[in-house]
Amino acid sequence: MKVLVTGGGGFLGGGIVQALLDRGDEVRSLARGEYPELAKLGAETVRGDIADAAAVASAVEGCDLVFHVAARVGAAGAYEDFHATNVVGTQNVIDACRAHGVSNLVYTSTPSVVFGQGDLEGVDESTPYAEVYEAFYPQTKAEAEQLVLSSNGEGLRTVSIRPHIVWGPGDTSLLPRLLERAPRLRRITGPAKKTDVTFIDDAVRAHLLAAAGLASSPEKVSGKAYFVSTGEPIEIWTFINRVLEAAGRPGITKTAPASVALAAGWVFEKIHAMTGASGEPRLSRWIVRELTHSHWFDISAAGRDIGYTPSVTIDEGMRRLTQWVQDGGLAPS
């Protein structure tokens, strides 16, 4: 089978590429950057922007299955940039699949599509999309997911996977940002809130199971979204400090009230926008709300429909992360 992975140079996308190669598939990766390490693994690497319809169509041609993982992620930035990658890019993938006869499309979404400003405790996929979003990332991911699911039909079967906080060895996203910001972070005080996390191996496996479900049981799987996680909700600051400990760094002990954090988030957002700085602001209101609200989900639908069960506990994941760091996995700071 020939498979395309968009965003194959990223943490999750790279994991999917590796898993597909391990099982003997022919794999092509579409990404904006150069990723020679993927070529060394045996993947065909194509450089292109997901917002470029021609580049996407060329990458999709000849493939039997597509995993659409590429996305613009961040707490701040111009709506046009998020829309171009997350919405226009997703429509390009859908159009290319239809044009080239690809019958199965697996989309990587996020539970943030249903997060407004309240706690999410044990909710399932019947939870509606949020009415108001405080950041363009979840807003455009919600738009994109709806495009994918509404495209399910004759000739194209689609499914969306919503992993929450993908982490583990090889992390090129969460861990580097956490390590860079940790010395300035403050633990936001208030009621303890739990969150779901997803170890990288389980996030990858969920995507492969979803693809298998589209092929073997489309009547169950196609046109649906699924929450996946480790299935062990954990207090968010406990998780952050355990990750820092695994990386050989001190935990976060200094504190700040939520009201102060929200005000600071507003200030940093405004400064970031006025200066036109690249990257993300030091803090945003969306991040503060993410850190001060529960985010854990009922993952039973994924177990029932695609056979997903978590295989790596948080304790085991921390052991593997610690070993990876000790083996020199972290880039020099």
Protein backbone atom coordinates (compact mmCIF):
# COMPACT_ATOMS: atom_id res chain seq x y z
CA MET A 1 0.00 0.00 0.00
CA LYS A 2 1.22 3.52 -0.80
CA VAL A 3 0.42 6.03 1.92
CA LEU A 4 0.78 9.80 2.15
CA VAL A 5 1.40 11.47 5.50
CA THR A 6 1.08 15.24 5.51
CA GLY A 7 3.24 16.80 8.18
CA GLY A 8 5.49 13.76 8.22
CA GLY A 9 8.35 15.82 9.62
CA GLY A 10 6.51 16.52 12.87
CA PHE A 11 6.37 14.51 16.09
CA LEU A 12 3.12 12.66 15.44
CA GLY A 13 3.47 12.63 11.66
CA GLY A 14 6.96 11.18 11.94
CA GLY A 15 5.70 8.49 14.28
CA ILE A 16 3.03 7.51 11.78
CA VAL A 17 5.61 7.41 8.96
CA GLN A 18 7.82 5.11 11.03
CA ALA A 19 4.94 2.78 11.94
CA LEU A 20 3.82 2.52 8.32
CA LEU A 21 7.36 1.74 7.14
CA ASP A 22 7.72 -0.86 9.90
CA ARG A 23 4.69 -2.72 8.59
CA GLY A 24 5.97 -2.64 5.03
CA ASP A 25 3.99 0.18 3.43
CA GLU A 26 5.41 2.52 0.81
CA VAL A 27 5.32 5.95 2.44
CA ARG A 28 5.44 9.49 1.10
CA SER A 29 5.71 12.53 3.37
CA LEU A 30 4.58 16.04 2.44
CA ALA A 31 6.08 18.80 4.58
CA ARG A 32 7.28 22.38 4.19
CA GLY A 33 10.80 21.67 5.42
CA GLU A 34 13.57 19.28 4.53
CA TYR A 35 13.58 16.09 6.60
CA PRO A 36 16.50 13.91 5.45
CA GLU A 37 15.97 11.61 8.41
CA LEU A 38 12.71 10.44 6.84
CA ALA A 39 14.49 9.63 3.60
CA LYS A 40 17.06 7.63 5.57
CA LEU A 41 14.21 5.60 7.04
CA GLY A 42 13.01 4.80 3.54
CA ALA A 43 10.20 7.31 3.05
CA GLU A 44 9.77 9.41 -0.07
CA THR A 45 9.97 13.04 0.99
CA VAL A 46 8.16 15.81 -0.89
CA ARG A 47 8.62 19.44 0.03
CA GLY A 48 5.55 21.64 -0.32
CA ASP A 49 3.01 23.81 1.46
CA ILE A 50 -0.30 22.21 2.36
CA ALA A 51 -2.00 25.46 1.32
CA ASP A 52 -0.70 24.96 -2.24
CA ALA A 53 -3.36 22.93 -4.05
CA ALA A 54 -1.00 21.85 -6.81
CA ALA A 55 1.62 20.60 -4.35
CA VAL A 56 -1.00 18.64 -2.43
CA ALA A 57 -2.49 17.13 -5.58
CA SER A 58 0.95 15.99 -6.74
CA ALA A 59 1.69 14.43 -3.35
CA VAL A 60 -1.65 12.60 -3.20
CA GLU A 61 -1.40 11.18 -6.72
CA GLY A 62 -0.74 7.46 -6.72
CA CYS A 63 -1.54 6.95 -3.04
CA ASP A 64 -4.10 4.55 -1.60
CA LEU A 65 -4.50 6.14 1.85
CA VAL A 66 -3.88 9.59 3.32
CA PHE A 67 -3.12 10.62 6.90
CA HIS A 68 -3.61 14.39 7.12
CA VAL A 69 -1.55 15.41 10.15
CA ALA A 70 -0.08 18.76 9.05
CA ALA A 71 -1.44 21.80 10.87
CA ARG A 72 -0.53 25.26 12.05
CA VAL A 73 -0.41 25.11 15.85
CA GLY A 74 -0.07 28.04 18.23
CA ALA A 75 -1.65 30.34 20.75
CA ALA A 76 -1.38 33.49 18.62
CA GLY A 77 -0.90 34.72 15.10
CA ALA A 78 -2.94 36.01 12.17
CA TYR A 79 -6.22 34.29 11.40
CA GLU A 80 -5.29 34.24 7.72
CA ASP A 81 -2.22 32.08 8.44
CA PHE A 82 -4.16 29.56 10.51
CA HIS A 83 -6.97 29.49 7.96
CA ALA A 84 -4.59 28.95 5.04
CA THR A 85 -2.94 25.91 6.60
CA ASN A 86 -5.72 24.37 8.66
CA VAL A 87 -8.79 25.08 6.54
CA VAL A 88 -7.61 25.72 2.98
CA GLY A 89 -4.94 23.04 3.35
CA THR A 90 -7.50 20.51 4.54
CA GLN A 91 -9.84 21.32 1.67
CA ASN A 92 -6.90 20.83 -0.69
CA VAL A 93 -6.32 17.36 0.76
CA ILE A 94 -10.00 16.45 0.40
CA ASP A 95 -10.10 17.71 -3.19
CA ALA A 96 -6.91 15.84 -4.09
CA CYS A 97 -8.23 12.61 -2.56
CA ARG A 98 -11.36 12.86 -4.67
CA ALA A 99 -9.43 13.79 -7.82
CA HIS A 100 -7.02 10.87 -7.48
CA GLY A 101 -9.40 8.21 -6.24
CA VAL A 102 -8.09 7.90 -2.69
CA SER A 103 -10.87 6.17 -0.77
CA ASN A 104 -9.70 6.58 2.86
CA LEU A 105 -8.66 9.77 4.69
CA VAL A 106 -7.65 9.91 8.37
CA TYR A 107 -7.55 13.41 9.83
CA THR A 108 -5.69 14.52 12.96
CA SER A 109 -7.88 16.85 15.00
CA THR A 110 -7.79 18.05 18.61
CA PRO A 111 -10.20 17.94 21.57
CA SER A 112 -9.83 21.73 21.67
CA VAL A 113 -12.51 21.90 18.96
CA VAL A 114 -15.10 21.41 21.72
CA PHE A 115 -13.46 23.59 24.37
CA GLY A 116 -15.13 26.92 25.07
CA GLN A 117 -14.55 28.25 28.58
CA GLY A 118 -15.90 25.48 30.81
CA ASP A 119 -14.66 22.19 32.23
CA LEU A 120 -14.74 19.08 30.04
CA GLU A 121 -15.05 16.09 32.38
CA GLY A 122 -15.68 12.67 30.88
CA VAL A 123 -17.46 14.08 27.84
CA ASP A 124 -17.93 12.04 24.68
CA GLU A 125 -18.15 12.78 20.97
CA SER A 126 -21.73 14.03 21.26
CA THR A 127 -20.32 17.23 22.78
CA PRO A 128 -20.92 20.05 20.27
CA TYR A 129 -18.27 22.31 18.84
CA ALA A 130 -17.58 25.37 20.97
CA GLU A 131 -19.64 28.46 20.24
CA VAL A 132 -16.74 30.82 20.96
CA TYR A 133 -13.01 30.22 20.60
CA GLU A 134 -10.27 32.26 22.26
CA ALA A 135 -7.60 31.28 19.73
CA PHE A 136 -7.47 30.75 15.99
CA TYR A 137 -5.89 27.31 16.30
CA PRO A 138 -8.93 25.50 17.78
CA GLN A 139 -11.30 27.61 15.69
CA THR A 140 -9.69 26.64 12.40
CA LYS A 141 -9.19 23.03 13.46
CA ALA A 142 -12.93 22.86 14.15
CA GLU A 143 -13.63 24.31 10.70
CA ALA A 144 -11.28 21.78 9.13
CA GLU A 145 -12.69 18.79 11.02
CA GLN A 146 -16.19 19.68 9.90
CA LEU A 147 -14.94 19.82 6.30
CA VAL A 148 -13.42 16.36 6.65
CA LEU A 149 -16.43 14.73 8.26
CA SER A 150 -18.94 16.36 5.92
CA SER A 151 -16.88 15.09 2.96
CA ASN A 152 -17.47 11.51 3.99
CA GLY A 153 -19.58 9.79 1.38
CA GLU A 154 -19.53 7.94 -1.90
CA GLY A 155 -15.94 7.42 -3.01
CA LEU A 156 -14.27 8.94 0.05
CA ARG A 157 -14.44 7.64 3.62
CA THR A 158 -13.17 9.95 6.33
CA VAL A 159 -12.50 9.77 10.07
CA SER A 160 -11.09 12.22 12.61
CA ILE A 161 -8.86 11.36 15.58
CA ARG A 162 -8.66 13.74 18.54
CA PRO A 163 -5.58 12.93 20.68
CA HIS A 164 -5.02 15.21 23.68
CA ILE A 165 -1.48 16.39 24.54
CA VAL A 166 0.68 13.97 22.57
CA TRP A 167 3.95 13.43 24.44
CA GLY A 168 6.88 11.06 24.80
CA PRO A 169 10.39 10.40 23.46
CA GLY A 170 11.22 12.32 20.30
CA ASP A 171 8.86 15.19 21.15
CA THR A 172 9.62 18.17 18.91
CA SER A 173 6.71 20.33 20.08
CA LEU A 174 5.47 20.25 23.67
CA LEU A 175 8.72 19.35 25.44
CA PRO A 176 11.03 21.92 23.79
CA ARG A 177 8.52 24.72 24.43
CA LEU A 178 8.03 23.59 28.02
CA LEU A 179 11.77 23.45 28.70
CA GLU A 180 12.29 26.89 27.16
CA ARG A 181 9.52 28.50 29.21
CA ALA A 182 9.79 26.55 32.47
CA PRO A 183 12.14 29.01 34.26
CA ARG A 184 9.52 31.76 33.82
CA LEU A 185 6.39 29.68 34.40
CA ARG A 186 4.12 30.08 37.41
CA ARG A 187 1.77 27.42 38.68
CA ILE A 188 -1.71 28.93 38.45
CA THR A 189 -3.51 28.52 41.75
CA GLY A 190 -7.09 27.32 42.11
CA PRO A 191 -9.03 24.04 42.18
CA ALA A 192 -7.07 21.05 40.90
CA LYS A 193 -8.05 20.29 37.31
CA LYS A 194 -7.34 17.04 35.48
CA THR A 195 -6.38 16.59 31.86
CA ASP A 196 -6.00 13.72 29.44
CA VAL A 197 -2.64 13.05 27.80
CA THR A 198 -1.71 10.67 24.97
CA PHE A 199 1.59 8.84 24.73
CA ILE A 200 3.07 9.02 21.24
CA ASP A 201 2.85 5.26 20.60
CA ASP A 202 -0.87 5.25 21.40
CA ALA A 203 -1.55 8.33 19.28
CA VAL A 204 0.15 6.66 16.31
CA ARG A 205 -1.65 3.38 16.86
CA ALA A 206 -5.03 5.13 17.06
CA HIS A 207 -4.47 6.58 13.60
CA LEU A 208 -3.54 3.22 12.11
CA LEU A 209 -6.54 1.57 13.77
CA ALA A 210 -8.80 4.29 12.36
CA ALA A 211 -7.47 3.64 8.86
CA ALA A 212 -8.04 -0.09 9.30
CA GLY A 213 -11.56 0.63 10.51
CA LEU A 214 -12.33 2.74 7.46
CA ALA A 215 -11.27 -0.15 5.25
CA SER A 216 -12.92 -3.01 7.13
CA SER A 217 -15.91 -1.46 8.91
CA PRO A 218 -16.77 1.81 7.18
CA GLU A 219 -20.37 1.61 8.39
CA LYS A 220 -19.06 1.96 11.97
CA VAL A 221 -16.21 4.39 11.53
CA SER A 222 -16.61 6.68 8.54
CA GLY A 223 -17.81 10.22 9.12
CA LYS A 224 -17.01 10.11 12.84
CA ALA A 225 -14.59 11.75 15.27
CA TYR A 226 -12.94 9.91 18.17
CA PHE A 227 -11.29 11.07 21.38
CA VAL A 228 -8.17 9.06 22.26
CA SER A 229 -5.86 9.33 25.26
CA THR A 230 -3.98 7.32 27.87
CA GLY A 231 -7.23 7.01 29.79
CA GLU A 232 -5.66 8.29 33.02
CA PRO A 233 -6.72 11.88 33.70
CA ILE A 234 -3.96 13.61 35.63
CA GLU A 235 -3.72 16.97 37.39
CA ILE A 236 -2.11 19.23 34.80
CA TRP A 237 0.62 20.70 37.02
CA THR A 238 1.54 17.24 38.28
CA PHE A 239 1.98 16.14 34.68
CA ILE A 240 4.06 19.20 33.77
CA ASN A 241 6.36 18.71 36.74
CA ARG A 242 6.76 15.00 36.04
CA VAL A 243 7.77 15.78 32.45
CA LEU A 244 10.28 18.35 33.69
CA GLU A 245 11.64 15.83 36.18
CA ALA A 246 12.00 13.23 33.42
CA ALA A 247 13.98 15.82 31.44
CA GLY A 248 16.25 16.46 34.42
CA ARG A 249 14.85 19.90 35.15
CA PRO A 250 13.37 21.34 38.36
CA GLY A 251 9.62 21.47 38.73
CA ILE A 252 7.53 24.62 38.84
CA THR A 253 6.98 25.84 42.39
CA LYS A 254 6.23 29.57 42.08
CA THR A 255 2.53 30.42 41.85
CA ALA A 256 0.17 33.06 40.49
CA PRO A 257 -3.62 33.53 40.83
CA ALA A 258 -5.73 32.80 37.75
CA SER A 259 -6.92 36.42 37.61
CA VAL A 260 -3.32 37.65 37.40
CA ALA A 261 -2.44 35.02 34.80
CA LEU A 262 -5.41 36.03 32.62
CA ALA A 263 -4.46 39.70 32.86
CA ALA A 264 -0.87 38.87 32.01
CA GLY A 265 -2.03 36.78 29.06
CA TRP A 266 -4.00 39.73 27.72
CA VAL A 267 -0.98 42.03 28.07
CA PHE A 268 1.40 39.61 26.37
CA GLU A 269 -1.08 39.06 23.52
CA LYS A 270 -1.37 42.82 22.93
CA ILE A 271 2.40 43.39 23.04
CA HIS A 272 2.95 40.47 20.68
CA ALA A 273 0.39 41.82 18.22
CA MET A 274 1.61 45.43 18.38
CA THR A 275 5.26 44.53 17.87
CA GLY A 276 4.51 42.02 15.11
CA ALA A 277 6.78 39.52 16.81
CA SER A 278 7.15 36.06 15.36
CA GLY A 279 6.33 32.89 17.27
CA GLU A 280 4.00 32.96 20.23
CA PRO A 281 3.50 35.40 23.10
CA ARG A 282 4.95 34.43 26.44
CA LEU A 283 1.39 33.74 27.67
CA SER A 284 -2.15 33.94 26.28
CA ARG A 285 -5.63 33.86 27.76
CA TRP A 286 -6.40 30.66 25.84
CA ILE A 287 -3.41 28.90 27.41
CA VAL A 288 -4.44 30.12 30.87
CA ARG A 289 -7.94 28.72 30.39
CA GLU A 290 -6.47 25.44 29.10
CA LEU A 291 -4.40 25.20 32.27
CA THR A 292 -7.25 26.07 34.64
CA HIS A 293 -10.02 23.83 33.27
CA SER A 294 -10.56 20.09 33.13
CA HIS A 295 -9.94 18.35 29.81
CA TRP A 296 -10.61 14.63 30.01
CA PHE A 297 -12.75 12.51 27.76
CA ASP A 298 -14.73 9.31 27.39
CA ILE A 299 -12.64 7.20 24.99
CA SER A 300 -14.99 4.21 24.92
CA ALA A 301 -16.23 4.95 21.38
CA ALA A 302 -12.71 4.52 20.00
CA GLY A 303 -12.45 1.22 21.85
CA ARG A 304 -15.81 0.01 20.55
CA ASP A 305 -15.45 1.09 16.92
CA ILE A 306 -11.76 0.87 16.06
CA GLY A 307 -10.41 -1.36 18.84
CA TYR A 308 -8.34 1.33 20.53
CA THR A 309 -7.15 0.68 24.06
CA PRO A 310 -4.27 2.61 25.69
CA SER A 311 -1.10 0.52 25.85
CA VAL A 312 1.33 2.83 27.69
CA THR A 313 0.55 4.14 31.17
CA ILE A 314 1.73 7.54 32.32
CA ASP A 315 4.25 5.89 34.65
CA GLU A 316 5.67 3.76 31.84
CA GLY A 317 5.70 6.75 29.51
CA MET A 318 7.68 8.76 32.05
CA ARG A 319 10.16 5.91 32.38
CA ARG A 320 10.65 5.84 28.60
CA LEU A 321 10.96 9.62 28.42
CA THR A 322 13.57 9.64 31.17
CA GLN A 323 15.56 6.93 29.40
CA TRP A 324 15.39 8.82 26.10
CA VAL A 325 16.67 11.99 27.75
CA GLN A 326 19.47 10.07 29.50
CA ASP A 327 20.44 8.51 26.16
CA GLY A 328 20.98 11.98 24.71
CA GLY A 329 17.63 12.43 22.99
CA LEU A 330 17.28 16.10 23.92
CA ALA A 331 18.95 18.66 21.69
CA PRO A 332 21.58 20.73 23.54
CA SER A 333 20.05 23.77 25.24
